[in-house]
Amino acid sequence: MSEKITTKERLYEIRDTVAKEPDFRGVDIETATEALDVFWERNKNRIANNLMVEQRFAVPLGGFTFKGFIDRVDLMPGTNNEIEIIDYKTGKSEPGPDARSKQLLLYARGIEHVYPQYKVKRLTLEQLGLPNPRTFELNGGKFESGGSSRMEGLDGNSVDGMIEIAKKIARDYEHGFERTKDEKACGECGYGLYCGD
């Protein structure tokens, strides 16, 4: 999005325009509007902090290149190089601790690789279908759960675990592992999430 939305009415105008596009014809406007209302209430005073949206990255880790797509990056108020990465989810289900750690910590590594002038200080999982976002603040080199949540912090070893999985996939590929043509089998395979296009 190239403009910083300054009113809820403008947000609704964009919703109505996007709803006419063929890819969005099946979207339930009422549900989308509820998510937009939550988004607006949580973010209306923070829009000025937005630094970038829809940011792709590729980061080399352990001899492999990991890629990702970050929904939003905000500059932390009162700083010129500390940032918050925000990932949006619209459903009511929440990723488990392992998946949450892998995703958010990979995003932190990725954005700091692409933009080394910035330091990630906060990672937020903004779940619009739940009462509150999940925030993790950098404290003593670890991302700890922020706010009033009693949720555990992010697992700092999770990205290393991703590298180990990549090594196993590379080893299997070199010694005869082939991607199946029967994608039904992928649901049972431990590598199913990692061998996409």
C-alpha atoms as a PDB file:
ATOM      1  CA  MET A   1       0.000   0.000   0.000  1.00  0.00           C
ATOM      2  CA  SER A   2       1.527   3.278  -1.045  1.00  0.00           C
ATOM      3  CA  GLU A   3      -0.488   5.646   1.140  1.00  0.00           C
ATOM      4  CA  LYS A   4      -0.747   6.034   4.880  1.00  0.00           C
ATOM      5  CA  ILE A   5      -4.436   5.753   5.684  1.00  0.00           C
ATOM      6  CA  THR A   6      -5.506   8.621   7.923  1.00  0.00           C
ATOM      7  CA  THR A   7      -9.248   7.926   8.301  1.00  0.00           C
ATOM      8  CA  LYS A   8     -11.472   4.913   8.784  1.00  0.00           C
ATOM      9  CA  GLU A   9     -13.573   6.113   5.861  1.00  0.00           C
ATOM     10  CA  ARG A  10     -10.562   5.874   3.539  1.00  0.00           C
ATOM     11  CA  LEU A  11      -9.926   2.356   4.808  1.00  0.00           C
ATOM     12  CA  TYR A  12     -13.526   1.444   3.861  1.00  0.00           C
ATOM     13  CA  GLU A  13     -13.098   3.028   0.422  1.00  0.00           C
ATOM     14  CA  ILE A  14     -10.086   0.796  -0.195  1.00  0.00           C
ATOM     15  CA  ARG A  15     -12.069  -2.221   1.070  1.00  0.00           C
ATOM     16  CA  ASP A  16     -14.858  -1.473  -1.416  1.00  0.00           C
ATOM     17  CA  THR A  17     -12.405  -1.064  -4.307  1.00  0.00           C
ATOM     18  CA  VAL A  18     -10.549  -4.287  -3.498  1.00  0.00           C
ATOM     19  CA  ALA A  19     -13.835  -6.194  -3.051  1.00  0.00           C
ATOM     20  CA  LYS A  20     -14.589  -5.609  -6.756  1.00  0.00           C
ATOM     21  CA  GLU A  21     -11.380  -7.335  -7.880  1.00  0.00           C
ATOM     22  CA  PRO A  22     -11.862 -10.901  -9.197  1.00  0.00           C
ATOM     23  CA  ASP A  23      -9.502 -12.459  -6.638  1.00  0.00           C
ATOM     24  CA  PHE A  24     -11.603 -11.090  -3.765  1.00  0.00           C
ATOM     25  CA  ARG A  25     -15.144 -11.756  -4.993  1.00  0.00           C
ATOM     26  CA  GLY A  26     -15.664 -14.646  -2.540  1.00  0.00           C
ATOM     27  CA  VAL A  27     -14.536 -12.674   0.500  1.00  0.00           C
ATOM     28  CA  ASP A  28     -17.191 -12.127   3.174  1.00  0.00           C
ATOM     29  CA  ILE A  29     -17.365  -8.311   3.410  1.00  0.00           C
ATOM     30  CA  GLU A  30     -18.920  -8.387   6.877  1.00  0.00           C
ATOM     31  CA  THR A  31     -16.086 -10.513   8.286  1.00  0.00           C
ATOM     32  CA  ALA A  32     -13.516  -8.384   6.462  1.00  0.00           C
ATOM     33  CA  THR A  33     -15.079  -5.221   7.882  1.00  0.00           C
ATOM     34  CA  GLU A  34     -14.894  -6.628  11.431  1.00  0.00           C
ATOM     35  CA  ALA A  35     -11.170  -7.306  10.932  1.00  0.00           C
ATOM     36  CA  LEU A  36     -10.660  -3.815   9.484  1.00  0.00           C
ATOM     37  CA  ASP A  37     -12.449  -2.269  12.465  1.00  0.00           C
ATOM     38  CA  VAL A  38     -10.144  -4.124  14.873  1.00  0.00           C
ATOM     39  CA  PHE A  39      -7.136  -3.118  12.765  1.00  0.00           C
ATOM     40  CA  TRP A  40      -8.208   0.530  12.823  1.00  0.00           C
ATOM     41  CA  GLU A  41      -8.797   0.652  16.585  1.00  0.00           C
ATOM     42  CA  ARG A  42      -5.427  -0.942  17.315  1.00  0.00           C
ATOM     43  CA  ASN A  43      -3.451   1.057  14.764  1.00  0.00           C
ATOM     44  CA  LYS A  44      -5.065   4.453  14.142  1.00  0.00           C
ATOM     45  CA  ASN A  45      -2.551   6.230  16.375  1.00  0.00           C
ATOM     46  CA  ARG A  46       0.447   4.304  15.037  1.00  0.00           C
ATOM     47  CA  ILE A  47       0.137   4.779  11.279  1.00  0.00           C
ATOM     48  CA  ALA A  48       2.638   7.628  11.281  1.00  0.00           C
ATOM     49  CA  ASN A  49       5.277   5.161  12.560  1.00  0.00           C
ATOM     50  CA  ASN A  50       4.962   2.897   9.522  1.00  0.00           C
ATOM     51  CA  LEU A  51       8.294   2.448   7.754  1.00  0.00           C
ATOM     52  CA  MET A  52       7.441  -0.212   5.154  1.00  0.00           C
ATOM     53  CA  VAL A  53       4.806  -2.794   4.211  1.00  0.00           C
ATOM     54  CA  GLU A  54       4.823  -6.056   2.276  1.00  0.00           C
ATOM     55  CA  GLN A  55       8.596  -6.407   2.500  1.00  0.00           C
ATOM     56  CA  ARG A  56      10.197  -9.474   0.903  1.00  0.00           C
ATOM     57  CA  PHE A  57      13.549 -10.706   2.140  1.00  0.00           C
ATOM     58  CA  ALA A  58      16.141 -13.395   1.505  1.00  0.00           C
ATOM     59  CA  VAL A  59      18.703 -14.148   4.189  1.00  0.00           C
ATOM     60  CA  PRO A  60      21.625 -16.593   4.060  1.00  0.00           C
ATOM     61  CA  LEU A  61      21.720 -18.868   7.104  1.00  0.00           C
ATOM     62  CA  GLY A  62      23.838 -21.974   7.538  1.00  0.00           C
ATOM     63  CA  GLY A  63      24.646 -22.232   3.846  1.00  0.00           C
ATOM     64  CA  PHE A  64      20.999 -21.900   2.764  1.00  0.00           C
ATOM     65  CA  THR A  65      18.881 -18.960   1.662  1.00  0.00           C
ATOM     66  CA  PHE A  66      15.657 -18.478   3.590  1.00  0.00           C
ATOM     67  CA  LYS A  67      12.984 -16.241   2.105  1.00  0.00           C
ATOM     68  CA  GLY A  68      10.003 -14.516   3.632  1.00  0.00           C
ATOM     69  CA  PHE A  69       7.394 -11.810   3.346  1.00  0.00           C
ATOM     70  CA  ILE A  70       6.830  -9.321   6.166  1.00  0.00           C
ATOM     71  CA  ASP A  71       3.456  -7.580   6.386  1.00  0.00           C
ATOM     72  CA  ARG A  72       4.567  -4.411   8.147  1.00  0.00           C
ATOM     73  CA  VAL A  73       7.587  -2.720   9.728  1.00  0.00           C
ATOM     74  CA  ASP A  74       7.198   0.297  12.021  1.00  0.00           C
ATOM     75  CA  LEU A  75       9.819   2.640  13.407  1.00  0.00           C
ATOM     76  CA  MET A  76       9.613   2.625  17.196  1.00  0.00           C
ATOM     77  CA  PRO A  77       8.608   6.071  18.502  1.00  0.00           C
ATOM     78  CA  GLY A  78      11.493   8.183  19.732  1.00  0.00           C
ATOM     79  CA  THR A  79      14.134   6.224  17.802  1.00  0.00           C
ATOM     80  CA  ASN A  80      15.718   6.479  14.385  1.00  0.00           C
ATOM     81  CA  ASN A  81      16.761   2.842  13.927  1.00  0.00           C
ATOM     82  CA  GLU A  82      14.737   0.583  16.252  1.00  0.00           C
ATOM     83  CA  ILE A  83      11.857  -1.235  14.595  1.00  0.00           C
ATOM     84  CA  GLU A  84       8.830  -3.419  15.218  1.00  0.00           C
ATOM     85  CA  ILE A  85       7.900  -6.196  12.799  1.00  0.00           C
ATOM     86  CA  ILE A  86       4.184  -6.900  12.597  1.00  0.00           C
ATOM     87  CA  ASP A  87       2.641 -10.022  11.082  1.00  0.00           C
ATOM     88  CA  TYR A  88      -1.125 -10.041  10.521  1.00  0.00           C
ATOM     89  CA  LYS A  89      -3.421 -13.029  10.967  1.00  0.00           C
ATOM     90  CA  THR A  90      -7.154 -12.734  10.395  1.00  0.00           C
ATOM     91  CA  GLY A  91      -8.421 -16.004  11.902  1.00  0.00           C
ATOM     92  CA  LYS A  92      -9.125 -16.972  15.475  1.00  0.00           C
ATOM     93  CA  SER A  93      -6.638 -19.850  15.533  1.00  0.00           C
ATOM     94  CA  GLU A  94      -3.164 -19.081  16.744  1.00  0.00           C
ATOM     95  CA  PRO A  95       0.156 -20.580  15.648  1.00  0.00           C
ATOM     96  CA  GLY A  96       1.822 -22.719  18.302  1.00  0.00           C
ATOM     97  CA  PRO A  97       4.994 -21.628  20.106  1.00  0.00           C
ATOM     98  CA  ASP A  98       7.346 -23.411  17.684  1.00  0.00           C
ATOM     99  CA  ALA A  99       5.766 -22.040  14.505  1.00  0.00           C
ATOM    100  CA  ARG A 100       5.468 -18.565  16.053  1.00  0.00           C
ATOM    101  CA  SER A 101       9.146 -18.555  17.071  1.00  0.00           C
ATOM    102  CA  LYS A 102      10.347 -19.775  13.675  1.00  0.00           C
ATOM    103  CA  GLN A 103       8.344 -17.227  11.728  1.00  0.00           C
ATOM    104  CA  LEU A 104       8.946 -14.138  13.825  1.00  0.00           C
ATOM    105  CA  LEU A 105      12.638 -14.765  14.520  1.00  0.00           C
ATOM    106  CA  LEU A 106      13.293 -15.533  10.844  1.00  0.00           C
ATOM    107  CA  TYR A 107      11.606 -12.211  10.010  1.00  0.00           C
ATOM    108  CA  ALA A 108      13.923 -10.440  12.464  1.00  0.00           C
ATOM    109  CA  ARG A 109      17.012 -12.015  10.913  1.00  0.00           C
ATOM    110  CA  GLY A 110      15.738 -11.305   7.409  1.00  0.00           C
ATOM    111  CA  ILE A 111      14.962  -7.621   7.880  1.00  0.00           C
ATOM    112  CA  GLU A 112      18.243  -6.986   9.726  1.00  0.00           C
ATOM    113  CA  HIS A 113      20.090  -8.669   6.851  1.00  0.00           C
ATOM    114  CA  VAL A 114      18.358  -6.573   4.172  1.00  0.00           C
ATOM    115  CA  TYR A 115      18.409  -3.373   6.262  1.00  0.00           C
ATOM    116  CA  PRO A 116      21.422  -3.603   8.617  1.00  0.00           C
ATOM    117  CA  GLN A 117      20.876  -0.009   9.741  1.00  0.00           C
ATOM    118  CA  TYR A 118      17.798  -1.165  11.713  1.00  0.00           C
ATOM    119  CA  LYS A 119      17.608  -3.164  14.942  1.00  0.00           C
ATOM    120  CA  VAL A 120      14.484  -5.222  15.658  1.00  0.00           C
ATOM    121  CA  LYS A 121      13.211  -4.427  19.161  1.00  0.00           C
ATOM    122  CA  ARG A 122       9.660  -5.806  18.981  1.00  0.00           C
ATOM    123  CA  LEU A 123       7.954  -8.634  17.125  1.00  0.00           C
ATOM    124  CA  THR A 124       4.161  -8.623  16.997  1.00  0.00           C
ATOM    125  CA  LEU A 125       1.707 -11.248  15.866  1.00  0.00           C
ATOM    126  CA  GLU A 126      -1.363  -9.102  15.200  1.00  0.00           C
ATOM    127  CA  GLN A 127      -4.299 -11.486  15.315  1.00  0.00           C
ATOM    128  CA  LEU A 128      -7.310  -9.467  14.299  1.00  0.00           C
ATOM    129  CA  GLY A 129      -9.719 -12.252  15.296  1.00  0.00           C
ATOM    130  CA  LEU A 130      -8.459 -12.329  18.890  1.00  0.00           C
ATOM    131  CA  PRO A 131      -8.832  -9.736  21.654  1.00  0.00           C
ATOM    132  CA  ASN A 132      -5.145  -8.777  21.787  1.00  0.00           C
ATOM    133  CA  PRO A 133      -2.040  -9.018  19.648  1.00  0.00           C
ATOM    134  CA  ARG A 134       0.914 -11.110  20.813  1.00  0.00           C
ATOM    135  CA  THR A 135       3.985  -8.945  21.309  1.00  0.00           C
ATOM    136  CA  PHE A 136       7.542  -9.981  22.052  1.00  0.00           C
ATOM    137  CA  GLU A 137      10.061  -7.421  23.268  1.00  0.00           C
ATOM    138  CA  LEU A 138      13.837  -7.750  22.957  1.00  0.00           C
ATOM    139  CA  ASN A 139      15.242  -7.968  26.483  1.00  0.00           C
ATOM    140  CA  GLY A 140      18.771  -9.165  27.213  1.00  0.00           C
ATOM    141  CA  GLY A 141      19.164 -10.678  23.761  1.00  0.00           C
ATOM    142  CA  LYS A 142      15.879 -12.635  23.937  1.00  0.00           C
ATOM    143  CA  PHE A 143      12.367 -11.839  22.743  1.00  0.00           C
ATOM    144  CA  GLU A 144      10.153 -12.070  25.815  1.00  0.00           C
ATOM    145  CA  SER A 145       6.383 -11.897  25.881  1.00  0.00           C
ATOM    146  CA  GLY A 146       5.225  -8.303  26.270  1.00  0.00           C
ATOM    147  CA  GLY A 147       2.131  -6.776  27.775  1.00  0.00           C
ATOM    148  CA  SER A 148       0.028  -8.639  30.308  1.00  0.00           C
ATOM    149  CA  SER A 149       0.325 -11.975  28.506  1.00  0.00           C
ATOM    150  CA  ARG A 150       1.734 -14.941  30.402  1.00  0.00           C
ATOM    151  CA  MET A 151       2.778 -16.536  27.136  1.00  0.00           C
ATOM    152  CA  GLU A 152       6.335 -17.807  26.962  1.00  0.00           C
ATOM    153  CA  GLY A 153       8.898 -15.869  24.969  1.00  0.00           C
ATOM    154  CA  LEU A 154      10.193 -16.865  21.558  1.00  0.00           C
ATOM    155  CA  ASP A 155      12.561 -19.834  21.326  1.00  0.00           C
ATOM    156  CA  GLY A 156      15.918 -18.391  20.298  1.00  0.00           C
ATOM    157  CA  ASN A 157      17.008 -21.794  18.923  1.00  0.00           C
ATOM    158  CA  SER A 158      14.112 -22.119  16.489  1.00  0.00           C
ATOM    159  CA  VAL A 159      15.971 -20.651  13.482  1.00  0.00           C
ATOM    160  CA  ASP A 160      18.863 -23.040  14.162  1.00  0.00           C
ATOM    161  CA  GLY A 161      16.275 -25.827  14.063  1.00  0.00           C
ATOM    162  CA  MET A 162      15.145 -24.605  10.634  1.00  0.00           C
ATOM    163  CA  ILE A 163      18.757 -24.720   9.424  1.00  0.00           C
ATOM    164  CA  GLU A 164      19.064 -28.315  10.669  1.00  0.00           C
ATOM    165  CA  ILE A 165      15.897 -29.280   8.784  1.00  0.00           C
ATOM    166  CA  ALA A 166      17.307 -27.642   5.649  1.00  0.00           C
ATOM    167  CA  LYS A 167      20.500 -29.677   6.061  1.00  0.00           C
ATOM    168  CA  LYS A 168      18.485 -32.895   6.337  1.00  0.00           C
ATOM    169  CA  ILE A 169      16.476 -32.016   3.239  1.00  0.00           C
ATOM    170  CA  ALA A 170      19.672 -31.223   1.302  1.00  0.00           C
ATOM    171  CA  ARG A 171      21.238 -34.506   2.436  1.00  0.00           C
ATOM    172  CA  ASP A 172      18.111 -36.479   1.452  1.00  0.00           C
ATOM    173  CA  TYR A 173      17.988 -34.711  -1.898  1.00  0.00           C
ATOM    174  CA  GLU A 174      21.648 -35.552  -2.591  1.00  0.00           C
ATOM    175  CA  HIS A 175      21.088 -39.203  -1.659  1.00  0.00           C
ATOM    176  CA  GLY A 176      17.879 -39.913  -3.518  1.00  0.00           C
ATOM    177  CA  PHE A 177      15.059 -37.896  -1.993  1.00  0.00           C
ATOM    178  CA  GLU A 178      12.754 -36.693  -4.731  1.00  0.00           C
ATOM    179  CA  ARG A 179       9.716 -34.554  -4.511  1.00  0.00           C
ATOM    180  CA  THR A 180       6.621 -36.644  -5.030  1.00  0.00           C
ATOM    181  CA  LYS A 181       4.163 -35.962  -7.812  1.00  0.00           C
ATOM    182  CA  ASP A 182       1.365 -37.154  -5.497  1.00  0.00           C
ATOM    183  CA  GLU A 183       0.764 -34.125  -3.296  1.00  0.00           C
ATOM    184  CA  LYS A 184      -1.598 -36.129  -1.067  1.00  0.00           C
ATOM    185  CA  ALA A 185       1.517 -37.777   0.365  1.00  0.00           C
ATOM    186  CA  CYS A 186       2.853 -34.359   1.381  1.00  0.00           C
ATOM    187  CA  GLY A 187       0.397 -34.176   4.263  1.00  0.00           C
ATOM    188  CA  GLU A 188       2.165 -37.130   5.902  1.00  0.00           C
ATOM    189  CA  CYS A 189       5.715 -35.991   5.105  1.00  0.00           C
ATOM    190  CA  GLY A 190       7.792 -34.082   7.631  1.00  0.00           C
ATOM    191  CA  TYR A 191       9.281 -32.012   4.820  1.00  0.00           C
ATOM    192  CA  GLY A 192       5.938 -30.962   3.337  1.00  0.00           C
ATOM    193  CA  LEU A 193       6.246 -27.326   4.388  1.00  0.00           C
ATOM    194  CA  TYR A 194       9.764 -26.944   3.035  1.00  0.00           C
ATOM    195  CA  CYS A 195       9.798 -28.296  -0.508  1.00  0.00           C
ATOM    196  CA  GLY A 196       7.279 -25.950  -2.136  1.00  0.00           C
ATOM    197  CA  ASP A 197       7.976 -24.097  -5.369  1.00  0.00           C
END
